[in-house]
């Protein structure tokens, strides 16, 4: 992915620069979402391990392998789940390294072409003061002692 931006000659105009920059940001967001997805899988693996560790090792359990539910014993499944968890953690570490490289690449690109991100109108208004109707989520009724 990083080679894509390096192979491109100097961009001809602002649109080309914006396009390349957008692609870089998109790639960074994809890495972020993959890391988040894998972190969820690690937490699921941890939950499974914590649930089956105290149980009798000869007890039956079921494991989904390639879309097929297979019957195994806990002593067979627990090491496999542990190995999968460790593999996912290694992948997360590699993706974090790739993310740092992508961030560096983006910051170099921003510096080279003097790119600054404009804030949207909503963000600017939120900083200067709340606009009416922007608070969401809580409805507050009259106080309980107000009618008495």
N, C-alpha and C. Protein backbone atom coordinates (compact mmCIF):
# COMPACT_ATOMS: atom_id res chain seq x y z
N UNK A 1 0.82 -1.19 0.00
CA UNK A 1 0.00 0.00 0.00
C UNK A 1 0.86 1.25 0.00
N UNK A 2 1.94 1.24 0.80
CA UNK A 2 2.79 2.42 0.88
C UNK A 2 3.50 2.64 -0.45
N UNK A 3 3.76 1.57 -1.17
CA UNK A 3 4.44 1.70 -2.44
C UNK A 3 3.59 2.45 -3.46
N UNK A 4 2.29 2.38 -3.29
CA UNK A 4 1.37 3.03 -4.22
C UNK A 4 1.65 4.54 -4.27
N UNK A 5 1.79 5.16 -3.12
CA UNK A 5 2.01 6.60 -3.07
C UNK A 5 3.42 6.95 -3.56
N UNK A 6 4.38 6.05 -3.34
CA UNK A 6 5.74 6.33 -3.75
C UNK A 6 5.91 6.17 -5.26
N UNK A 7 5.16 5.28 -5.88
CA UNK A 7 5.25 5.05 -7.31
C UNK A 7 4.68 6.21 -8.12
N UNK A 8 3.78 6.95 -7.51
CA UNK A 8 3.13 8.05 -8.20
C UNK A 8 4.14 9.18 -8.37
N UNK A 9 4.23 9.72 -9.57
CA UNK A 9 5.09 10.87 -9.81
C UNK A 9 4.50 12.07 -9.09
N UNK A 10 5.17 13.18 -9.16
CA UNK A 10 4.65 14.39 -8.53
C UNK A 10 3.26 14.66 -9.06
N UNK A 11 2.28 14.86 -8.16
CA UNK A 11 0.92 15.14 -8.60
C UNK A 11 0.87 16.41 -9.45
N UNK A 12 0.01 16.38 -10.45
CA UNK A 12 -0.07 17.47 -11.41
C UNK A 12 -0.81 18.67 -10.83
N UNK A 13 -1.89 18.42 -10.11
CA UNK A 13 -2.69 19.54 -9.61
C UNK A 13 -3.24 19.24 -8.22
N UNK A 14 -4.03 20.17 -7.71
CA UNK A 14 -4.59 20.04 -6.37
C UNK A 14 -5.51 18.82 -6.26
N UNK A 15 -6.26 18.55 -7.33
CA UNK A 15 -7.17 17.41 -7.29
C UNK A 15 -6.41 16.10 -7.14
N UNK A 16 -5.28 15.98 -7.82
CA UNK A 16 -4.47 14.76 -7.71
C UNK A 16 -3.90 14.63 -6.30
N UNK A 17 -3.44 15.74 -5.73
CA UNK A 17 -2.92 15.73 -4.37
C UNK A 17 -4.04 15.33 -3.40
N UNK A 18 -5.20 15.92 -3.58
CA UNK A 18 -6.34 15.61 -2.71
C UNK A 18 -6.75 14.15 -2.84
N UNK A 19 -6.71 13.63 -4.04
CA UNK A 19 -7.07 12.23 -4.27
C UNK A 19 -6.09 11.28 -3.56
N UNK A 20 -4.81 11.55 -3.71
CA UNK A 20 -3.78 10.72 -3.07
C UNK A 20 -3.92 10.82 -1.55
N UNK A 21 -4.14 12.04 -1.07
CA UNK A 21 -4.29 12.25 0.37
C UNK A 21 -5.52 11.50 0.89
N UNK A 22 -6.60 11.57 0.16
CA UNK A 22 -7.82 10.85 0.54
C UNK A 22 -7.59 9.34 0.59
N UNK A 23 -6.84 8.83 -0.38
CA UNK A 23 -6.52 7.39 -0.40
C UNK A 23 -5.68 7.01 0.82
N UNK A 24 -4.70 7.85 1.16
CA UNK A 24 -3.87 7.57 2.33
C UNK A 24 -4.72 7.55 3.60
N UNK A 25 -5.60 8.53 3.73
CA UNK A 25 -6.47 8.59 4.92
C UNK A 25 -7.40 7.37 4.95
N UNK A 26 -7.89 6.97 3.79
CA UNK A 26 -8.77 5.80 3.71
C UNK A 26 -8.03 4.54 4.15
N UNK A 27 -6.80 4.38 3.70
CA UNK A 27 -6.00 3.22 4.09
C UNK A 27 -5.76 3.22 5.59
N UNK A 28 -5.50 4.41 6.17
CA UNK A 28 -5.28 4.50 7.60
C UNK A 28 -6.56 4.10 8.36
N UNK A 29 -7.70 4.56 7.88
CA UNK A 29 -8.97 4.21 8.53
C UNK A 29 -9.25 2.72 8.44
N UNK A 30 -8.88 2.10 7.32
CA UNK A 30 -9.06 0.65 7.18
C UNK A 30 -8.21 -0.10 8.19
N UNK A 31 -6.98 0.38 8.41
CA UNK A 31 -6.11 -0.26 9.39
C UNK A 31 -6.72 -0.11 10.79
N UNK A 32 -7.22 1.10 11.10
CA UNK A 32 -7.86 1.33 12.40
C UNK A 32 -9.03 0.36 12.61
N UNK A 33 -9.87 0.23 11.60
CA UNK A 33 -11.06 -0.63 11.76
C UNK A 33 -10.66 -2.10 11.89
N UNK A 34 -9.62 -2.53 11.19
CA UNK A 34 -9.16 -3.91 11.30
C UNK A 34 -8.60 -4.17 12.70
N UNK A 35 -7.85 -3.21 13.23
CA UNK A 35 -7.31 -3.36 14.59
C UNK A 35 -8.45 -3.49 15.59
N UNK A 36 -9.46 -2.65 15.45
CA UNK A 36 -10.61 -2.69 16.36
C UNK A 36 -11.31 -4.04 16.28
N UNK A 37 -11.51 -4.52 15.06
CA UNK A 37 -12.16 -5.82 14.85
C UNK A 37 -11.36 -6.94 15.52
N UNK A 38 -10.05 -6.92 15.34
CA UNK A 38 -9.22 -7.97 15.92
C UNK A 38 -9.15 -7.88 17.44
N UNK A 39 -9.20 -6.65 17.97
CA UNK A 39 -9.22 -6.50 19.43
C UNK A 39 -10.49 -7.10 20.01
N UNK A 40 -11.60 -6.96 19.29
CA UNK A 40 -12.85 -7.59 19.73
C UNK A 40 -12.71 -9.11 19.73
N UNK A 41 -12.06 -9.66 18.72
CA UNK A 41 -11.85 -11.11 18.66
C UNK A 41 -10.98 -11.59 19.81
N UNK A 42 -9.95 -10.81 20.17
CA UNK A 42 -9.09 -11.18 21.29
C UNK A 42 -9.91 -11.22 22.58
N UNK A 43 -10.79 -10.23 22.76
CA UNK A 43 -11.60 -10.22 23.98
C UNK A 43 -12.58 -11.40 23.99
N UNK A 44 -13.10 -11.78 22.83
CA UNK A 44 -13.97 -12.96 22.76
C UNK A 44 -13.20 -14.23 23.10
N UNK A 45 -11.98 -14.34 22.58
CA UNK A 45 -11.16 -15.51 22.90
C UNK A 45 -10.88 -15.56 24.40
N UNK A 46 -10.61 -14.41 25.01
CA UNK A 46 -10.36 -14.36 26.45
C UNK A 46 -11.59 -14.81 27.23
N UNK A 47 -12.76 -14.36 26.81
CA UNK A 47 -13.99 -14.76 27.47
C UNK A 47 -14.17 -16.28 27.41
N UNK A 48 -13.94 -16.86 26.25
CA UNK A 48 -14.07 -18.31 26.08
C UNK A 48 -13.07 -19.03 26.97
N UNK A 49 -11.83 -18.57 26.97
CA UNK A 49 -10.79 -19.22 27.78
C UNK A 49 -11.15 -19.15 29.27
N UNK A 50 -11.61 -17.99 29.72
CA UNK A 50 -11.98 -17.84 31.13
C UNK A 50 -13.18 -18.71 31.49
N UNK A 51 -14.08 -18.92 30.53
CA UNK A 51 -15.26 -19.73 30.80
C UNK A 51 -14.94 -21.22 30.87
N UNK A 52 -14.00 -21.70 30.05
CA UNK A 52 -13.77 -23.15 30.01
C UNK A 52 -12.57 -23.61 30.84
N UNK A 53 -11.71 -22.71 31.28
CA UNK A 53 -10.54 -23.12 32.08
C UNK A 53 -10.91 -23.85 33.37
N UNK A 54 -11.88 -23.35 34.14
CA UNK A 54 -12.17 -24.05 35.41
C UNK A 54 -12.91 -25.38 35.24
N UNK A 55 -13.34 -25.70 34.05
CA UNK A 55 -14.13 -26.91 33.82
C UNK A 55 -13.22 -28.14 33.70
N UNK A 56 -13.82 -29.31 33.85
CA UNK A 56 -13.12 -30.59 33.73
C UNK A 56 -12.53 -30.72 32.31
N UNK A 57 -11.23 -30.98 32.18
CA UNK A 57 -10.60 -31.08 30.85
C UNK A 57 -11.18 -32.16 29.94
N UNK A 58 -11.80 -33.17 30.50
CA UNK A 58 -12.36 -34.24 29.66
C UNK A 58 -13.79 -33.92 29.21
N UNK A 59 -14.32 -32.81 29.68
CA UNK A 59 -15.69 -32.43 29.32
C UNK A 59 -15.80 -32.09 27.84
N UNK A 60 -16.94 -32.43 27.26
CA UNK A 60 -17.17 -32.13 25.84
C UNK A 60 -17.42 -30.64 25.65
N UNK A 61 -16.94 -30.13 24.55
CA UNK A 61 -17.30 -28.77 24.15
C UNK A 61 -17.36 -28.75 22.62
N UNK A 62 -17.92 -27.69 22.10
CA UNK A 62 -18.08 -27.57 20.65
C UNK A 62 -17.33 -26.36 20.17
N UNK A 63 -16.72 -26.52 19.00
CA UNK A 63 -15.91 -25.45 18.45
C UNK A 63 -16.27 -25.28 16.97
N UNK A 64 -16.39 -24.03 16.55
CA UNK A 64 -16.69 -23.74 15.16
C UNK A 64 -15.38 -23.63 14.39
N UNK A 65 -15.20 -24.54 13.42
CA UNK A 65 -13.98 -24.54 12.61
C UNK A 65 -14.39 -24.44 11.15
N UNK A 66 -14.09 -23.33 10.53
CA UNK A 66 -14.41 -23.14 9.11
C UNK A 66 -15.88 -23.30 8.80
N UNK A 67 -16.73 -22.83 9.71
CA UNK A 67 -18.17 -22.91 9.49
C UNK A 67 -18.79 -24.24 9.87
N UNK A 68 -17.97 -25.18 10.41
CA UNK A 68 -18.47 -26.49 10.82
C UNK A 68 -18.31 -26.61 12.33
N UNK A 69 -19.38 -26.99 13.01
CA UNK A 69 -19.36 -27.17 14.45
C UNK A 69 -18.84 -28.58 14.76
N UNK A 70 -17.71 -28.66 15.47
CA UNK A 70 -17.12 -29.96 15.78
C UNK A 70 -17.09 -30.19 17.29
N UNK A 71 -17.21 -31.45 17.68
CA UNK A 71 -17.19 -31.81 19.10
C UNK A 71 -15.77 -32.18 19.48
N UNK A 72 -15.27 -31.57 20.54
CA UNK A 72 -13.94 -31.83 21.06
C UNK A 72 -14.01 -31.83 22.58
N UNK A 73 -12.88 -32.13 23.20
CA UNK A 73 -12.80 -32.01 24.66
C UNK A 73 -12.15 -30.67 24.99
N UNK A 74 -12.34 -30.23 26.21
CA UNK A 74 -11.77 -28.94 26.62
C UNK A 74 -10.25 -28.99 26.54
N UNK A 75 -9.63 -30.14 26.89
CA UNK A 75 -8.17 -30.22 26.84
C UNK A 75 -7.64 -30.06 25.41
N UNK A 76 -8.45 -30.37 24.39
CA UNK A 76 -8.04 -30.17 22.99
C UNK A 76 -8.30 -28.74 22.53
N UNK A 77 -9.39 -28.16 23.01
CA UNK A 77 -9.83 -26.85 22.52
C UNK A 77 -9.06 -25.70 23.17
N UNK A 78 -8.81 -25.81 24.46
CA UNK A 78 -8.18 -24.70 25.18
C UNK A 78 -6.82 -24.27 24.60
N UNK A 79 -5.92 -25.22 24.29
CA UNK A 79 -4.64 -24.80 23.68
C UNK A 79 -4.83 -24.16 22.29
N UNK A 80 -5.79 -24.66 21.54
CA UNK A 80 -6.04 -24.09 20.20
C UNK A 80 -6.57 -22.67 20.31
N UNK A 81 -7.47 -22.43 21.26
CA UNK A 81 -8.01 -21.09 21.45
C UNK A 81 -6.89 -20.15 21.91
N UNK A 82 -6.01 -20.66 22.79
CA UNK A 82 -4.87 -19.86 23.26
C UNK A 82 -3.95 -19.50 22.10
N UNK A 83 -3.65 -20.47 21.23
CA UNK A 83 -2.78 -20.20 20.07
C UNK A 83 -3.43 -19.17 19.14
N UNK A 84 -4.72 -19.33 18.90
CA UNK A 84 -5.42 -18.36 18.04
C UNK A 84 -5.35 -16.96 18.63
N UNK A 85 -5.56 -16.86 19.92
CA UNK A 85 -5.52 -15.56 20.60
C UNK A 85 -4.13 -14.93 20.45
N UNK A 86 -3.09 -15.72 20.66
CA UNK A 86 -1.72 -15.21 20.53
C UNK A 86 -1.43 -14.77 19.10
N UNK A 87 -1.92 -15.54 18.13
CA UNK A 87 -1.73 -15.16 16.72
C UNK A 87 -2.43 -13.85 16.39
N UNK A 88 -3.62 -13.67 16.92
CA UNK A 88 -4.36 -12.42 16.68
C UNK A 88 -3.63 -11.25 17.33
N UNK A 89 -3.09 -11.47 18.54
CA UNK A 89 -2.35 -10.40 19.22
C UNK A 89 -1.11 -10.01 18.44
N UNK A 90 -0.41 -11.00 17.84
CA UNK A 90 0.75 -10.70 17.00
C UNK A 90 0.34 -9.88 15.78
N UNK A 91 -0.79 -10.25 15.18
CA UNK A 91 -1.29 -9.53 14.02
C UNK A 91 -1.65 -8.09 14.39
N UNK A 92 -2.23 -7.90 15.56
CA UNK A 92 -2.56 -6.55 16.03
C UNK A 92 -1.28 -5.73 16.18
N UNK A 93 -0.23 -6.34 16.72
CA UNK A 93 1.04 -5.63 16.88
C UNK A 93 1.60 -5.21 15.52
N UNK A 94 1.54 -6.10 14.53
CA UNK A 94 2.03 -5.76 13.18
C UNK A 94 1.17 -4.66 12.55
N UNK A 95 -0.14 -4.73 12.76
CA UNK A 95 -1.01 -3.69 12.22
C UNK A 95 -0.75 -2.35 12.90
N UNK A 96 -0.44 -2.35 14.19
CA UNK A 96 -0.10 -1.11 14.87
C UNK A 96 1.18 -0.49 14.30
N UNK A 97 2.15 -1.35 13.95
CA UNK A 97 3.36 -0.86 13.30
C UNK A 97 3.02 -0.25 11.94
N UNK A 98 2.19 -0.95 11.17
CA UNK A 98 1.78 -0.44 9.86
C UNK A 98 1.02 0.88 10.01
N UNK A 99 0.22 0.98 11.07
CA UNK A 99 -0.54 2.21 11.32
C UNK A 99 0.42 3.37 11.60
N UNK A 100 1.45 3.13 12.39
CA UNK A 100 2.41 4.19 12.69
C UNK A 100 3.14 4.62 11.41
N UNK A 101 3.49 3.67 10.56
CA UNK A 101 4.14 4.01 9.28
C UNK A 101 3.19 4.85 8.42
N UNK A 102 1.92 4.46 8.39
CA UNK A 102 0.93 5.18 7.58
C UNK A 102 0.75 6.59 8.12
N UNK A 103 0.69 6.74 9.44
CA UNK A 103 0.57 8.08 10.05
C UNK A 103 1.77 8.95 9.67
N UNK A 104 2.96 8.34 9.72
CA UNK A 104 4.18 9.09 9.36
C UNK A 104 4.13 9.49 7.89
N UNK A 105 3.71 8.56 7.04
CA UNK A 105 3.60 8.83 5.61
C UNK A 105 2.61 9.98 5.35
N UNK A 106 1.49 9.96 6.06
CA UNK A 106 0.48 11.01 5.89
C UNK A 106 1.03 12.35 6.37
N UNK A 107 1.71 12.35 7.52
CA UNK A 107 2.23 13.62 8.03
C UNK A 107 3.32 14.19 7.10
N UNK A 108 4.13 13.31 6.51
CA UNK A 108 5.13 13.77 5.54
C UNK A 108 4.45 14.34 4.29
N UNK A 109 3.39 13.68 3.85
CA UNK A 109 2.64 14.14 2.69
C UNK A 109 2.00 15.50 2.99
N UNK A 110 1.43 15.63 4.22
CA UNK A 110 0.82 16.90 4.63
C UNK A 110 1.87 18.01 4.65
N UNK A 111 3.05 17.71 5.17
CA UNK A 111 4.10 18.72 5.25
C UNK A 111 4.61 19.09 3.85
N UNK A 112 4.76 18.09 2.99
CA UNK A 112 5.28 18.34 1.64
C UNK A 112 4.34 19.23 0.83
N UNK A 113 3.04 18.99 0.95
CA UNK A 113 2.07 19.74 0.15
C UNK A 113 1.31 20.79 0.96
N UNK A 114 1.80 21.03 2.19
CA UNK A 114 1.21 22.05 3.07
C UNK A 114 -0.30 21.85 3.21
N UNK A 115 -0.70 20.64 3.56
CA UNK A 115 -2.11 20.31 3.71
C UNK A 115 -2.54 20.60 5.14
N UNK A 116 -3.63 21.32 5.25
CA UNK A 116 -4.24 21.57 6.56
C UNK A 116 -5.70 21.16 6.46
N UNK A 117 -6.20 20.51 7.50
CA UNK A 117 -7.58 20.04 7.51
C UNK A 117 -8.47 21.18 8.00
N UNK A 118 -9.50 21.48 7.24
CA UNK A 118 -10.49 22.46 7.67
C UNK A 118 -11.51 21.76 8.55
N UNK A 119 -11.95 22.45 9.58
CA UNK A 119 -12.99 21.89 10.43
C UNK A 119 -14.34 22.17 9.80
N UNK A 120 -15.26 21.22 9.99
CA UNK A 120 -16.60 21.42 9.45
C UNK A 120 -17.31 22.50 10.27
N UNK A 121 -18.41 23.02 9.74
CA UNK A 121 -19.15 24.09 10.42
C UNK A 121 -19.64 23.64 11.79
N UNK A 122 -20.07 22.39 11.91
CA UNK A 122 -20.56 21.88 13.18
C UNK A 122 -19.48 21.93 14.26
N UNK A 123 -18.25 21.49 13.90
CA UNK A 123 -17.16 21.49 14.87
C UNK A 123 -16.81 22.90 15.29
N UNK A 124 -16.79 23.84 14.34
CA UNK A 124 -16.46 25.23 14.66
C UNK A 124 -17.53 25.81 15.58
N UNK A 125 -18.80 25.55 15.30
CA UNK A 125 -19.87 26.05 16.15
C UNK A 125 -19.84 25.41 17.52
N UNK A 126 -19.50 24.12 17.60
CA UNK A 126 -19.41 23.46 18.89
C UNK A 126 -18.32 24.08 19.75
N UNK A 127 -17.21 24.48 19.13
CA UNK A 127 -16.13 25.11 19.89
C UNK A 127 -16.52 26.50 20.36
N UNK A 128 -17.23 27.27 19.53
CA UNK A 128 -17.56 28.65 19.90
C UNK A 128 -18.75 28.70 20.85
N UNK A 129 -19.51 27.68 20.94
CA UNK A 129 -20.68 27.63 21.82
C UNK A 129 -21.71 26.71 21.21
N UNK A 130 -22.44 26.05 22.04
CA UNK A 130 -23.44 25.10 21.53
C UNK A 130 -24.51 25.80 20.74
N UNK A 131 -24.81 25.23 19.58
CA UNK A 131 -25.94 25.76 18.83
C UNK A 131 -27.20 25.08 19.33
N UNK A 132 -28.34 25.71 19.18
CA UNK A 132 -29.58 25.18 19.71
C UNK A 132 -29.93 23.86 19.04
N UNK A 133 -30.37 22.90 19.86
CA UNK A 133 -30.81 21.61 19.33
C UNK A 133 -29.70 20.62 19.10
N UNK A 134 -28.46 20.98 19.43
CA UNK A 134 -27.38 20.04 19.16
C UNK A 134 -27.19 19.05 20.30
N UNK A 135 -27.68 19.36 21.50
CA UNK A 135 -27.58 18.41 22.61
C UNK A 135 -28.57 17.28 22.37
N UNK A 136 -28.08 16.06 22.48
CA UNK A 136 -28.94 14.92 22.18
C UNK A 136 -28.87 13.91 23.30
N UNK A 137 -29.93 13.10 23.40
CA UNK A 137 -29.86 11.94 24.25
C UNK A 137 -30.63 12.00 25.55
N UNK A 138 -30.82 13.17 26.15
CA UNK A 138 -31.48 13.21 27.45
C UNK A 138 -32.65 14.16 27.42
N UNK A 139 -33.80 13.65 27.84
CA UNK A 139 -34.98 14.49 27.99
C UNK A 139 -35.15 14.74 29.48
N UNK A 140 -35.27 15.98 29.86
CA UNK A 140 -35.41 16.31 31.27
C UNK A 140 -36.79 16.89 31.50
N UNK A 141 -37.53 16.27 32.40
CA UNK A 141 -38.88 16.75 32.74
C UNK A 141 -38.80 17.70 33.91
N UNK A 142 -39.92 18.17 34.37
CA UNK A 142 -39.94 19.08 35.53
C UNK A 142 -39.42 18.35 36.76
N UNK A 143 -38.80 19.10 37.66
CA UNK A 143 -38.27 18.51 38.89
C UNK A 143 -39.41 17.94 39.72
N UNK A 144 -39.13 16.91 40.51
CA UNK A 144 -40.17 16.21 41.27
C UNK A 144 -40.82 17.13 42.31
N UNK A 145 -40.09 18.04 42.90
CA UNK A 145 -40.63 18.90 43.92
C UNK A 145 -41.24 20.18 43.37
N UNK A 146 -41.23 20.40 42.07
CA UNK A 146 -41.68 21.66 41.48
C UNK A 146 -43.19 21.83 41.58
N UNK A 147 -43.97 20.76 41.55
CA UNK A 147 -45.43 20.86 41.57
C UNK A 147 -45.98 20.99 42.98
N UNK A 148 -45.20 20.74 43.98
CA UNK A 148 -45.70 20.77 45.35
C UNK A 148 -45.57 22.10 45.99
